[in-house]
Amino acid sequence: IESLRDRVPELEVALRSETYRLTKAINDQLERVVHRAVRQERVAVWRISGVTLAALVLGLVIMGLAGRALAPIGRLVDYARALSRGDYDRPLGVERTGELGRLAEELELMARARKERELELGRQADELERAYRRVEELKRYHESIVRSLRTGVVVLDPEQRIASTNRAAMTVWGMDAEQLRGAPFSSTPVGEALRATG
């Protein structure tokens, strides 16, 4: 046992030395693993940054191309809104190729047809206005002639109601124009006399 006790310090030194060597080896190995993980992390960060940047650039390119491709549609929508407001002379400014070109041509044809139709409706409205004024003039002329006659004149509407009379008719019946207007002809003295005779 004594010999073992004498060897304990030597064994302790050897054990410490071996523990130190193992600890150093473990620490060195751990440090290498950590350095490798840090390098891999940096590489991964750079790769992710590169992919993100590439995706961003690609997104911007796609957005630019989409905006360029959709611009004619926006112009077509603006043109359709202008048509709805009655602006038929606005230039469209869309290339005449493909489906959008055909749509642009159809919109312009529709604008021309609608403009012509509105011009025609305007002409017809003017004609109607002139005809209405002429009818009003003729009506006033007719009424002045009827009023100036010495013979009693009664004008009836389709339901046989009195539409107008002249002064001679009012004098004969002893009624004023307001009493006669709209009254059934059969309720007037002449109407009653005609009904009695037959």
C-alpha atoms as a PDB file:
ATOM      1  CA  ILE A   1       0.000   0.000   0.000  1.00  0.00           C
ATOM      2  CA  GLU A   2       2.908   2.227   0.764  1.00  0.00           C
ATOM      3  CA  SER A   3       4.160   1.967  -2.721  1.00  0.00           C
ATOM      4  CA  LEU A   4       0.776   2.917  -3.946  1.00  0.00           C
ATOM      5  CA  ARG A   5       0.752   5.953  -1.694  1.00  0.00           C
ATOM      6  CA  ASP A   6       4.049   7.020  -3.063  1.00  0.00           C
ATOM      7  CA  ARG A   7       2.704   6.706  -6.532  1.00  0.00           C
ATOM      8  CA  VAL A   8      -0.492   8.733  -5.811  1.00  0.00           C
ATOM      9  CA  PRO A   9       1.176  12.121  -6.422  1.00  0.00           C
ATOM     10  CA  GLU A  10       2.662  10.760  -9.606  1.00  0.00           C
ATOM     11  CA  LEU A  11      -0.700   9.321 -10.621  1.00  0.00           C
ATOM     12  CA  GLU A  12      -2.417  12.588  -9.709  1.00  0.00           C
ATOM     13  CA  VAL A  13      -0.029  14.499 -11.928  1.00  0.00           C
ATOM     14  CA  ALA A  14      -0.550  11.982 -14.706  1.00  0.00           C
ATOM     15  CA  LEU A  15      -4.330  12.148 -14.198  1.00  0.00           C
ATOM     16  CA  ARG A  16      -4.275  15.948 -14.177  1.00  0.00           C
ATOM     17  CA  SER A  17      -2.121  15.952 -17.255  1.00  0.00           C
ATOM     18  CA  GLU A  18      -4.446  13.529 -18.999  1.00  0.00           C
ATOM     19  CA  THR A  19      -7.532  15.499 -17.858  1.00  0.00           C
ATOM     20  CA  TYR A  20      -5.909  18.713 -19.090  1.00  0.00           C
ATOM     21  CA  ARG A  21      -5.047  17.085 -22.413  1.00  0.00           C
ATOM     22  CA  LEU A  22      -8.595  15.669 -22.795  1.00  0.00           C
ATOM     23  CA  THR A  23     -10.161  18.981 -21.763  1.00  0.00           C
ATOM     24  CA  LYS A  24      -7.919  20.819 -24.252  1.00  0.00           C
ATOM     25  CA  ALA A  25      -8.792  18.307 -26.974  1.00  0.00           C
ATOM     26  CA  ILE A  26     -12.512  18.654 -26.196  1.00  0.00           C
ATOM     27  CA  ASN A  27     -12.222  22.459 -26.101  1.00  0.00           C
ATOM     28  CA  ASP A  28     -10.225  22.491 -29.344  1.00  0.00           C
ATOM     29  CA  GLN A  29     -12.768  20.180 -30.977  1.00  0.00           C
ATOM     30  CA  LEU A  30     -15.631  22.306 -29.615  1.00  0.00           C
ATOM     31  CA  GLU A  31     -13.941  25.490 -30.849  1.00  0.00           C
ATOM     32  CA  ARG A  32     -13.501  24.005 -34.322  1.00  0.00           C
ATOM     33  CA  VAL A  33     -17.143  22.943 -34.368  1.00  0.00           C
ATOM     34  CA  VAL A  34     -18.235  26.414 -33.205  1.00  0.00           C
ATOM     35  CA  HIS A  35     -16.007  28.105 -35.831  1.00  0.00           C
ATOM     36  CA  ARG A  36     -17.366  25.791 -38.512  1.00  0.00           C
ATOM     37  CA  ALA A  37     -20.970  26.513 -37.360  1.00  0.00           C
ATOM     38  CA  VAL A  38     -20.258  30.267 -37.398  1.00  0.00           C
ATOM     39  CA  ARG A  39     -18.784  29.998 -40.913  1.00  0.00           C
ATOM     40  CA  GLN A  40     -21.765  27.932 -42.071  1.00  0.00           C
ATOM     41  CA  GLU A  41     -24.112  30.422 -40.464  1.00  0.00           C
ATOM     42  CA  ARG A  42     -22.383  33.300 -42.276  1.00  0.00           C
ATOM     43  CA  VAL A  43     -22.545  31.402 -45.550  1.00  0.00           C
ATOM     44  CA  ALA A  44     -26.242  30.663 -44.931  1.00  0.00           C
ATOM     45  CA  VAL A  45     -26.913  34.324 -44.093  1.00  0.00           C
ATOM     46  CA  TRP A  46     -25.149  35.417 -47.285  1.00  0.00           C
ATOM     47  CA  ARG A  47     -27.044  32.843 -49.305  1.00  0.00           C
ATOM     48  CA  ILE A  48     -30.382  33.893 -47.785  1.00  0.00           C
ATOM     49  CA  SER A  49     -29.490  37.545 -48.364  1.00  0.00           C
ATOM     50  CA  GLY A  50     -28.552  36.753 -51.962  1.00  0.00           C
ATOM     51  CA  VAL A  51     -31.764  34.798 -52.561  1.00  0.00           C
ATOM     52  CA  THR A  52     -33.799  37.572 -50.906  1.00  0.00           C
ATOM     53  CA  LEU A  53     -32.093  40.218 -53.012  1.00  0.00           C
ATOM     54  CA  ALA A  54     -32.616  38.147 -56.159  1.00  0.00           C
ATOM     55  CA  ALA A  55     -36.302  37.649 -55.250  1.00  0.00           C
ATOM     56  CA  LEU A  56     -36.667  41.380 -54.623  1.00  0.00           C
ATOM     57  CA  VAL A  57     -35.059  42.261 -57.962  1.00  0.00           C
ATOM     58  CA  LEU A  58     -37.172  39.629 -59.712  1.00  0.00           C
ATOM     59  CA  GLY A  59     -40.301  40.994 -57.979  1.00  0.00           C
ATOM     60  CA  LEU A  60     -39.470  44.525 -59.122  1.00  0.00           C
ATOM     61  CA  VAL A  61     -38.873  43.328 -62.676  1.00  0.00           C
ATOM     62  CA  ILE A  62     -42.157  41.390 -62.674  1.00  0.00           C
ATOM     63  CA  MET A  63     -43.980  44.389 -61.204  1.00  0.00           C
ATOM     64  CA  GLY A  64     -42.529  46.639 -63.893  1.00  0.00           C
ATOM     65  CA  LEU A  65     -43.483  44.203 -66.645  1.00  0.00           C
ATOM     66  CA  ALA A  66     -46.977  43.765 -65.180  1.00  0.00           C
ATOM     67  CA  GLY A  67     -47.413  47.525 -64.932  1.00  0.00           C
ATOM     68  CA  ARG A  68     -46.314  47.901 -68.517  1.00  0.00           C
ATOM     69  CA  ALA A  69     -48.624  45.097 -69.624  1.00  0.00           C
ATOM     70  CA  LEU A  70     -51.582  46.489 -67.660  1.00  0.00           C
ATOM     71  CA  ALA A  71     -51.112  50.136 -68.683  1.00  0.00           C
ATOM     72  CA  PRO A  72     -53.230  49.728 -71.839  1.00  0.00           C
ATOM     73  CA  ILE A  73     -56.051  48.317 -69.727  1.00  0.00           C
ATOM     74  CA  GLY A  74     -55.886  51.395 -67.518  1.00  0.00           C
ATOM     75  CA  ARG A  75     -56.054  53.614 -70.602  1.00  0.00           C
ATOM     76  CA  LEU A  76     -59.056  51.616 -71.866  1.00  0.00           C
ATOM     77  CA  VAL A  77     -60.810  52.072 -68.509  1.00  0.00           C
ATOM     78  CA  ASP A  78     -60.097  55.832 -68.572  1.00  0.00           C
ATOM     79  CA  TYR A  79     -61.418  55.999 -72.136  1.00  0.00           C
ATOM     80  CA  ALA A  80     -64.612  54.131 -71.159  1.00  0.00           C
ATOM     81  CA  ARG A  81     -65.127  56.565 -68.251  1.00  0.00           C
ATOM     82  CA  ALA A  82     -64.648  59.502 -70.633  1.00  0.00           C
ATOM     83  CA  LEU A  83     -67.255  57.967 -72.967  1.00  0.00           C
ATOM     84  CA  SER A  84     -69.718  57.670 -70.110  1.00  0.00           C
ATOM     85  CA  ARG A  85     -69.257  61.410 -69.458  1.00  0.00           C
ATOM     86  CA  GLY A  86     -69.904  62.196 -73.134  1.00  0.00           C
ATOM     87  CA  ASP A  87     -66.279  62.916 -74.133  1.00  0.00           C
ATOM     88  CA  TYR A  88     -66.294  61.187 -77.527  1.00  0.00           C
ATOM     89  CA  ASP A  89     -63.332  63.033 -79.055  1.00  0.00           C
ATOM     90  CA  ARG A  90     -60.709  61.896 -76.536  1.00  0.00           C
ATOM     91  CA  PRO A  91     -57.823  59.987 -78.155  1.00  0.00           C
ATOM     92  CA  LEU A  92     -57.405  56.426 -76.910  1.00  0.00           C
ATOM     93  CA  GLY A  93     -53.644  55.907 -77.254  1.00  0.00           C
ATOM     94  CA  VAL A  94     -53.499  52.084 -77.242  1.00  0.00           C
ATOM     95  CA  GLU A  95     -51.486  49.981 -79.681  1.00  0.00           C
ATOM     96  CA  ARG A  96     -53.670  48.197 -82.223  1.00  0.00           C
ATOM     97  CA  THR A  97     -52.304  44.693 -81.734  1.00  0.00           C
ATOM     98  CA  GLY A  98     -53.792  41.665 -80.029  1.00  0.00           C
ATOM     99  CA  GLU A  99     -56.963  41.440 -78.008  1.00  0.00           C
ATOM    100  CA  LEU A 100     -56.518  44.853 -76.403  1.00  0.00           C
ATOM    101  CA  GLY A 101     -56.124  46.419 -79.835  1.00  0.00           C
ATOM    102  CA  ARG A 102     -59.384  44.857 -80.996  1.00  0.00           C
ATOM    103  CA  LEU A 103     -61.080  46.020 -77.809  1.00  0.00           C
ATOM    104  CA  ALA A 104     -59.755  49.546 -78.400  1.00  0.00           C
ATOM    105  CA  GLU A 105     -61.117  49.547 -81.955  1.00  0.00           C
ATOM    106  CA  GLU A 106     -64.527  48.351 -80.722  1.00  0.00           C
ATOM    107  CA  LEU A 107     -64.581  51.090 -78.074  1.00  0.00           C
ATOM    108  CA  GLU A 108     -63.788  53.731 -80.680  1.00  0.00           C
ATOM    109  CA  LEU A 109     -66.508  52.368 -82.999  1.00  0.00           C
ATOM    110  CA  MET A 110     -68.948  52.461 -80.107  1.00  0.00           C
ATOM    111  CA  ALA A 111     -67.903  56.050 -79.286  1.00  0.00           C
ATOM    112  CA  ARG A 112     -68.447  57.168 -82.873  1.00  0.00           C
ATOM    113  CA  ALA A 113     -71.846  55.440 -83.071  1.00  0.00           C
ATOM    114  CA  ARG A 114     -72.921  56.914 -79.742  1.00  0.00           C
ATOM    115  CA  LYS A 115     -71.789  60.392 -80.765  1.00  0.00           C
ATOM    116  CA  GLU A 116     -73.729  60.123 -84.040  1.00  0.00           C
ATOM    117  CA  ARG A 117     -76.788  58.829 -82.177  1.00  0.00           C
ATOM    118  CA  GLU A 118     -76.634  61.721 -79.706  1.00  0.00           C
ATOM    119  CA  LEU A 119     -76.242  64.226 -82.531  1.00  0.00           C
ATOM    120  CA  GLU A 120     -79.256  62.684 -84.271  1.00  0.00           C
ATOM    121  CA  LEU A 121     -81.252  62.780 -81.036  1.00  0.00           C
ATOM    122  CA  GLY A 122     -80.279  66.436 -80.643  1.00  0.00           C
ATOM    123  CA  ARG A 123     -81.473  67.182 -84.179  1.00  0.00           C
ATOM    124  CA  GLN A 124     -84.723  65.348 -83.527  1.00  0.00           C
ATOM    125  CA  ALA A 125     -85.215  67.211 -80.228  1.00  0.00           C
ATOM    126  CA  ASP A 126     -84.690  70.512 -82.071  1.00  0.00           C
ATOM    127  CA  GLU A 127     -87.224  69.450 -84.711  1.00  0.00           C
ATOM    128  CA  LEU A 128     -89.708  68.447 -82.033  1.00  0.00           C
ATOM    129  CA  GLU A 129     -89.218  71.765 -80.274  1.00  0.00           C
ATOM    130  CA  ARG A 130     -89.829  73.650 -83.542  1.00  0.00           C
ATOM    131  CA  ALA A 131     -92.897  71.495 -84.296  1.00  0.00           C
ATOM    132  CA  TYR A 132     -94.230  72.061 -80.762  1.00  0.00           C
ATOM    133  CA  ARG A 133     -93.812  75.815 -81.125  1.00  0.00           C
ATOM    134  CA  ARG A 134     -95.562  75.670 -84.525  1.00  0.00           C
ATOM    135  CA  VAL A 135     -98.453  73.667 -83.048  1.00  0.00           C
ATOM    136  CA  GLU A 136     -98.744  76.209 -80.227  1.00  0.00           C
ATOM    137  CA  GLU A 137     -98.814  79.036 -82.796  1.00  0.00           C
ATOM    138  CA  LEU A 138    -101.482  77.221 -84.837  1.00  0.00           C
ATOM    139  CA  LYS A 139    -103.508  76.563 -81.700  1.00  0.00           C
ATOM    140  CA  ARG A 140    -103.409  80.237 -80.721  1.00  0.00           C
ATOM    141  CA  TYR A 141    -104.337  81.198 -84.299  1.00  0.00           C
ATOM    142  CA  HIS A 142    -107.207  78.699 -84.321  1.00  0.00           C
ATOM    143  CA  GLU A 143    -108.476  79.935 -80.957  1.00  0.00           C
ATOM    144  CA  SER A 144    -108.354  83.559 -82.113  1.00  0.00           C
ATOM    145  CA  ILE A 145    -110.400  82.654 -85.222  1.00  0.00           C
ATOM    146  CA  VAL A 146    -112.945  80.701 -83.176  1.00  0.00           C
ATOM    147  CA  ARG A 147    -113.262  83.534 -80.631  1.00  0.00           C
ATOM    148  CA  SER A 148    -113.850  86.114 -83.367  1.00  0.00           C
ATOM    149  CA  LEU A 149    -116.737  84.191 -85.028  1.00  0.00           C
ATOM    150  CA  ARG A 150    -120.276  85.521 -84.410  1.00  0.00           C
ATOM    151  CA  THR A 151    -121.702  82.008 -84.484  1.00  0.00           C
ATOM    152  CA  GLY A 152    -121.379  79.885 -81.351  1.00  0.00           C
ATOM    153  CA  VAL A 153    -118.554  77.353 -81.701  1.00  0.00           C
ATOM    154  CA  VAL A 154    -117.829  74.515 -79.266  1.00  0.00           C
ATOM    155  CA  VAL A 155    -114.734  72.290 -79.532  1.00  0.00           C
ATOM    156  CA  LEU A 156    -115.047  68.839 -77.922  1.00  0.00           C
ATOM    157  CA  ASP A 157    -112.348  66.451 -76.794  1.00  0.00           C
ATOM    158  CA  PRO A 158    -112.501  62.690 -77.573  1.00  0.00           C
ATOM    159  CA  GLU A 159    -114.654  62.050 -74.441  1.00  0.00           C
ATOM    160  CA  GLN A 160    -117.257  64.577 -75.646  1.00  0.00           C
ATOM    161  CA  ARG A 161    -116.243  67.135 -73.028  1.00  0.00           C
ATOM    162  CA  ILE A 162    -115.983  70.817 -73.893  1.00  0.00           C
ATOM    163  CA  ALA A 163    -112.365  71.752 -74.672  1.00  0.00           C
ATOM    164  CA  SER A 164    -113.007  75.385 -75.694  1.00  0.00           C
ATOM    165  CA  THR A 165    -115.759  77.770 -76.769  1.00  0.00           C
ATOM    166  CA  ASN A 166    -116.020  81.201 -78.325  1.00  0.00           C
ATOM    167  CA  ARG A 167    -117.791  84.258 -76.896  1.00  0.00           C
ATOM    168  CA  ALA A 168    -120.893  83.707 -78.999  1.00  0.00           C
ATOM    169  CA  ALA A 169    -121.441  80.224 -77.473  1.00  0.00           C
ATOM    170  CA  MET A 170    -120.946  81.590 -73.942  1.00  0.00           C
ATOM    171  CA  THR A 171    -123.449  84.389 -74.651  1.00  0.00           C
ATOM    172  CA  VAL A 172    -126.051  81.968 -76.063  1.00  0.00           C
ATOM    173  CA  TRP A 173    -125.773  79.613 -73.073  1.00  0.00           C
ATOM    174  CA  GLY A 174    -125.284  82.339 -70.499  1.00  0.00           C
ATOM    175  CA  MET A 175    -122.209  80.631 -68.981  1.00  0.00           C
ATOM    176  CA  ASP A 176    -118.570  81.652 -68.740  1.00  0.00           C
ATOM    177  CA  ALA A 177    -115.613  79.707 -70.201  1.00  0.00           C
ATOM    178  CA  GLU A 178    -114.559  78.247 -66.827  1.00  0.00           C
ATOM    179  CA  GLN A 179    -118.000  76.740 -66.257  1.00  0.00           C
ATOM    180  CA  LEU A 180    -118.029  75.191 -69.723  1.00  0.00           C
ATOM    181  CA  ARG A 181    -114.447  73.927 -69.964  1.00  0.00           C
ATOM    182  CA  GLY A 182    -114.322  70.198 -69.146  1.00  0.00           C
ATOM    183  CA  ALA A 183    -118.107  69.886 -68.784  1.00  0.00           C
ATOM    184  CA  PRO A 184    -119.861  67.088 -70.693  1.00  0.00           C
ATOM    185  CA  PHE A 185    -121.425  68.472 -73.872  1.00  0.00           C
ATOM    186  CA  SER A 186    -124.652  66.617 -73.051  1.00  0.00           C
ATOM    187  CA  SER A 187    -125.086  68.812 -69.918  1.00  0.00           C
ATOM    188  CA  THR A 188    -125.194  72.052 -71.967  1.00  0.00           C
ATOM    189  CA  PRO A 189    -128.480  73.492 -73.261  1.00  0.00           C
ATOM    190  CA  VAL A 190    -127.548  72.601 -76.861  1.00  0.00           C
ATOM    191  CA  GLY A 191    -126.493  69.094 -75.831  1.00  0.00           C
ATOM    192  CA  GLU A 192    -129.767  68.561 -73.947  1.00  0.00           C
ATOM    193  CA  ALA A 193    -131.771  69.853 -76.921  1.00  0.00           C
ATOM    194  CA  LEU A 194    -129.934  67.528 -79.305  1.00  0.00           C
ATOM    195  CA  ARG A 195    -130.510  64.598 -76.993  1.00  0.00           C
ATOM    196  CA  ALA A 196    -134.241  65.396 -76.725  1.00  0.00           C
ATOM    197  CA  THR A 197    -134.615  65.545 -80.518  1.00  0.00           C
ATOM    198  CA  GLY A 198    -132.786  62.526 -81.022  1.00  0.00           C
END
